[in-house]
Amino acid sequence: MHSAAKTTEVEGGNVIFVGHASTLDTMVIALKRLGDERTEYPPYQVSQHLMRVPYCALGAVREKPWEVVSPPCPPSINSSS
């Protein structure tokens, strides 16, 4: 995650990651830690976050500092509408 963000920095820093539900949550945590001076963090427990993010979720983060923002388009959802 950190390598992808640094590699694209010169070209604007846009990175897209595709993954299953809780992968988005894990990536946001990694981006928020990018540039943090601390080297020790409490262990990240994926099992505690599995139900936080819907299966067809869409997430967006913006840097300086890294923070969660509204995605540029609505997520894909399964519904009868």
N, C-alpha and C. Protein backbone atom coordinates (compact mmCIF):
# COMPACT_ATOMS: atom_id res chain seq x y z
N MET A 1 0.83 -1.18 0.00
CA MET A 1 0.00 0.00 0.00
C MET A 1 0.88 1.24 0.00
N HIS A 2 1.82 1.30 0.93
CA HIS A 2 2.68 2.48 1.00
C HIS A 2 3.52 2.63 -0.26
N SER A 3 4.01 1.51 -0.79
CA SER A 3 4.82 1.54 -2.00
C SER A 3 4.01 2.07 -3.19
N ALA A 4 2.77 1.64 -3.32
CA ALA A 4 1.92 2.10 -4.43
C ALA A 4 1.67 3.60 -4.32
N ALA A 5 1.43 4.09 -3.14
CA ALA A 5 1.18 5.53 -2.94
C ALA A 5 2.42 6.34 -3.28
N LYS A 6 3.60 5.88 -2.85
CA LYS A 6 4.83 6.62 -3.11
C LYS A 6 5.23 6.56 -4.59
N THR A 7 5.03 5.41 -5.23
CA THR A 7 5.40 5.23 -6.63
C THR A 7 4.61 6.16 -7.55
N THR A 8 3.36 6.41 -7.25
CA THR A 8 2.52 7.25 -8.11
C THR A 8 2.52 8.72 -7.71
N GLU A 9 3.26 9.07 -6.67
CA GLU A 9 3.26 10.44 -6.16
C GLU A 9 3.64 11.47 -7.22
N VAL A 10 4.64 11.17 -8.04
CA VAL A 10 5.12 12.10 -9.06
C VAL A 10 4.04 12.38 -10.11
N GLU A 11 3.21 11.39 -10.39
CA GLU A 11 2.17 11.52 -11.42
C GLU A 11 0.83 11.97 -10.86
N GLY A 12 0.80 12.41 -9.64
CA GLY A 12 -0.44 12.90 -9.05
C GLY A 12 -0.94 12.09 -7.88
N GLY A 13 -0.40 10.91 -7.70
CA GLY A 13 -0.74 10.11 -6.53
C GLY A 13 -2.07 9.38 -6.58
N ASN A 14 -2.67 9.27 -7.75
CA ASN A 14 -3.94 8.54 -7.84
C ASN A 14 -3.68 7.04 -7.89
N VAL A 15 -4.35 6.32 -7.00
CA VAL A 15 -4.21 4.88 -6.93
C VAL A 15 -5.61 4.30 -6.78
N ILE A 16 -5.90 3.21 -7.49
CA ILE A 16 -7.18 2.52 -7.30
C ILE A 16 -6.87 1.10 -6.85
N PHE A 17 -7.53 0.68 -5.80
CA PHE A 17 -7.40 -0.68 -5.29
C PHE A 17 -8.77 -1.33 -5.36
N VAL A 18 -8.79 -2.56 -5.79
CA VAL A 18 -10.04 -3.32 -5.85
C VAL A 18 -9.89 -4.51 -4.92
N GLY A 19 -10.88 -4.71 -4.08
CA GLY A 19 -10.82 -5.82 -3.14
C GLY A 19 -12.18 -6.11 -2.56
N HIS A 20 -12.26 -7.15 -1.79
CA HIS A 20 -13.51 -7.51 -1.13
C HIS A 20 -13.71 -6.64 0.11
N ALA A 21 -14.92 -6.47 0.50
CA ALA A 21 -15.42 -5.66 1.61
C ALA A 21 -14.38 -5.15 2.61
N SER A 22 -13.93 -5.98 3.51
CA SER A 22 -13.06 -5.47 4.58
C SER A 22 -11.67 -5.09 4.07
N THR A 23 -11.32 -5.47 2.83
CA THR A 23 -10.05 -5.04 2.25
C THR A 23 -9.99 -3.52 2.17
N LEU A 24 -11.13 -2.89 1.85
CA LEU A 24 -11.17 -1.42 1.79
C LEU A 24 -10.84 -0.82 3.14
N ASP A 25 -11.39 -1.38 4.20
CA ASP A 25 -11.13 -0.89 5.55
C ASP A 25 -9.66 -1.04 5.90
N THR A 26 -9.09 -2.18 5.56
CA THR A 26 -7.68 -2.44 5.84
C THR A 26 -6.79 -1.46 5.08
N MET A 27 -7.11 -1.15 3.84
CA MET A 27 -6.32 -0.22 3.03
C MET A 27 -6.40 1.20 3.58
N VAL A 28 -7.56 1.60 4.07
CA VAL A 28 -7.69 2.93 4.66
C VAL A 28 -6.79 3.04 5.88
N ILE A 29 -6.78 2.01 6.71
CA ILE A 29 -5.91 2.01 7.90
C ILE A 29 -4.45 2.15 7.46
N ALA A 30 -4.04 1.40 6.45
CA ALA A 30 -2.66 1.47 5.97
C ALA A 30 -2.32 2.86 5.44
N LEU A 31 -3.22 3.48 4.67
CA LEU A 31 -2.96 4.82 4.15
C LEU A 31 -2.89 5.86 5.26
N LYS A 32 -3.75 5.73 6.26
CA LYS A 32 -3.72 6.69 7.37
C LYS A 32 -2.41 6.59 8.14
N ARG A 33 -1.78 5.43 8.13
CA ARG A 33 -0.50 5.25 8.82
C ARG A 33 0.68 5.69 7.97
N LEU A 34 0.45 5.93 6.68
CA LEU A 34 1.52 6.37 5.78
C LEU A 34 2.03 7.73 6.23
N GLY A 35 3.30 7.84 6.45
CA GLY A 35 3.89 9.09 6.87
C GLY A 35 3.83 9.32 8.37
N ASP A 36 3.16 8.44 9.10
CA ASP A 36 3.11 8.56 10.56
C ASP A 36 4.48 8.20 11.10
N GLU A 37 4.94 8.95 12.08
CA GLU A 37 6.27 8.73 12.63
C GLU A 37 6.35 7.50 13.53
N ARG A 38 5.20 7.04 14.03
CA ARG A 38 5.24 5.88 14.93
C ARG A 38 5.63 4.63 14.16
N THR A 39 6.27 3.72 14.86
CA THR A 39 6.64 2.44 14.25
C THR A 39 5.89 1.28 14.88
N GLU A 40 5.27 1.50 16.03
CA GLU A 40 4.53 0.45 16.71
C GLU A 40 3.04 0.77 16.71
N TYR A 41 2.24 -0.18 16.30
CA TYR A 41 0.79 -0.04 16.29
C TYR A 41 0.18 -1.26 16.95
N PRO A 42 -1.00 -1.11 17.54
CA PRO A 42 -1.67 -2.32 18.03
C PRO A 42 -2.02 -3.21 16.85
N PRO A 43 -2.06 -4.52 17.05
CA PRO A 43 -2.39 -5.42 15.94
C PRO A 43 -3.76 -5.11 15.35
N TYR A 44 -3.85 -5.16 14.04
CA TYR A 44 -5.13 -4.92 13.36
C TYR A 44 -5.88 -6.24 13.31
N GLN A 45 -7.08 -6.26 13.84
CA GLN A 45 -7.90 -7.47 13.88
C GLN A 45 -8.95 -7.41 12.78
N VAL A 46 -8.70 -8.08 11.66
CA VAL A 46 -9.64 -8.08 10.54
C VAL A 46 -11.01 -8.59 10.98
N SER A 47 -11.02 -9.59 11.85
CA SER A 47 -12.30 -10.18 12.28
C SER A 47 -13.21 -9.17 12.96
N GLN A 48 -12.67 -8.11 13.53
CA GLN A 48 -13.48 -7.09 14.19
C GLN A 48 -14.10 -6.12 13.19
N HIS A 49 -13.67 -6.16 11.94
CA HIS A 49 -14.12 -5.19 10.95
C HIS A 49 -14.88 -5.82 9.78
N LEU A 50 -15.08 -7.11 9.80
CA LEU A 50 -15.70 -7.78 8.65
C LEU A 50 -17.10 -7.28 8.33
N MET A 51 -17.88 -6.90 9.31
CA MET A 51 -19.25 -6.48 9.07
C MET A 51 -19.39 -4.96 8.89
N ARG A 52 -18.32 -4.20 8.99
CA ARG A 52 -18.39 -2.74 8.88
C ARG A 52 -18.57 -2.26 7.45
N VAL A 53 -18.06 -2.99 6.49
CA VAL A 53 -18.05 -2.54 5.11
C VAL A 53 -18.92 -3.47 4.27
N PRO A 54 -19.93 -2.93 3.56
CA PRO A 54 -20.78 -3.79 2.72
C PRO A 54 -19.96 -4.48 1.63
N TYR A 55 -20.47 -5.59 1.14
CA TYR A 55 -19.76 -6.38 0.13
C TYR A 55 -19.44 -5.57 -1.13
N CYS A 56 -20.39 -4.82 -1.64
CA CYS A 56 -20.18 -4.03 -2.86
C CYS A 56 -19.90 -2.57 -2.51
N ALA A 57 -18.98 -2.36 -1.61
CA ALA A 57 -18.68 -1.01 -1.14
C ALA A 57 -17.75 -0.27 -2.09
N LEU A 58 -17.75 1.02 -1.96
CA LEU A 58 -16.84 1.88 -2.70
C LEU A 58 -16.31 2.89 -1.69
N GLY A 59 -15.01 3.01 -1.62
CA GLY A 59 -14.43 3.94 -0.66
C GLY A 59 -13.49 4.89 -1.34
N ALA A 60 -13.26 6.03 -0.72
CA ALA A 60 -12.33 7.02 -1.25
C ALA A 60 -11.59 7.69 -0.10
N VAL A 61 -10.32 7.95 -0.30
CA VAL A 61 -9.52 8.68 0.68
C VAL A 61 -8.75 9.77 -0.05
N ARG A 62 -8.48 10.83 0.65
CA ARG A 62 -7.71 11.95 0.10
C ARG A 62 -6.56 12.20 1.06
N GLU A 63 -5.41 12.57 0.52
CA GLU A 63 -4.24 12.75 1.38
C GLU A 63 -4.06 14.17 1.91
N LYS A 64 -3.08 14.28 2.78
CA LYS A 64 -2.63 15.54 3.42
C LYS A 64 -3.64 16.08 4.40
N PRO A 65 -3.91 15.42 5.50
CA PRO A 65 -3.57 14.03 5.82
C PRO A 65 -4.55 13.08 5.17
N TRP A 66 -4.21 11.79 5.14
CA TRP A 66 -5.12 10.80 4.57
C TRP A 66 -6.39 10.77 5.39
N GLU A 67 -7.52 10.95 4.72
CA GLU A 67 -8.81 10.90 5.41
C GLU A 67 -9.87 10.33 4.46
N VAL A 68 -10.86 9.70 5.06
CA VAL A 68 -11.96 9.13 4.28
C VAL A 68 -12.85 10.26 3.78
N VAL A 69 -13.18 10.25 2.48
CA VAL A 69 -14.07 11.25 1.88
C VAL A 69 -15.17 10.53 1.10
N SER A 70 -16.16 11.27 0.67
CA SER A 70 -17.23 10.67 -0.13
C SER A 70 -16.68 10.19 -1.47
N PRO A 71 -17.08 9.00 -1.92
CA PRO A 71 -16.60 8.51 -3.22
C PRO A 71 -17.16 9.36 -4.36
N PRO A 72 -16.48 9.37 -5.51
CA PRO A 72 -16.91 10.19 -6.64
C PRO A 72 -18.18 9.70 -7.33
N CYS A 73 -18.61 8.48 -7.03
CA CYS A 73 -19.84 7.94 -7.60
C CYS A 73 -20.46 6.98 -6.58
N PRO A 74 -21.75 6.70 -6.72
CA PRO A 74 -22.39 5.79 -5.75
C PRO A 74 -21.91 4.35 -5.93
N PRO A 75 -21.92 3.57 -4.84
CA PRO A 75 -21.50 2.17 -4.95
C PRO A 75 -22.55 1.33 -5.68
N SER A 76 -22.13 0.19 -6.16
CA SER A 76 -23.05 -0.76 -6.77
C SER A 76 -23.77 -1.51 -5.66
N ILE A 77 -25.08 -1.57 -5.74
CA ILE A 77 -25.84 -2.28 -4.71
C ILE A 77 -26.81 -3.25 -5.37
N ASN A 78 -27.15 -4.27 -4.66
CA ASN A 78 -28.15 -5.22 -5.14
C ASN A 78 -29.48 -4.84 -4.52
N SER A 79 -30.43 -4.45 -5.34
CA SER A 79 -31.75 -4.09 -4.83
C SER A 79 -32.78 -4.31 -5.93
N SER A 80 -34.04 -4.21 -5.56
CA SER A 80 -35.10 -4.41 -6.54
C SER A 80 -35.47 -3.12 -7.26
N SER A 81 -34.82 -2.02 -6.93
CA SER A 81 -35.19 -0.75 -7.56
C SER A 81 -34.52 -0.61 -8.85
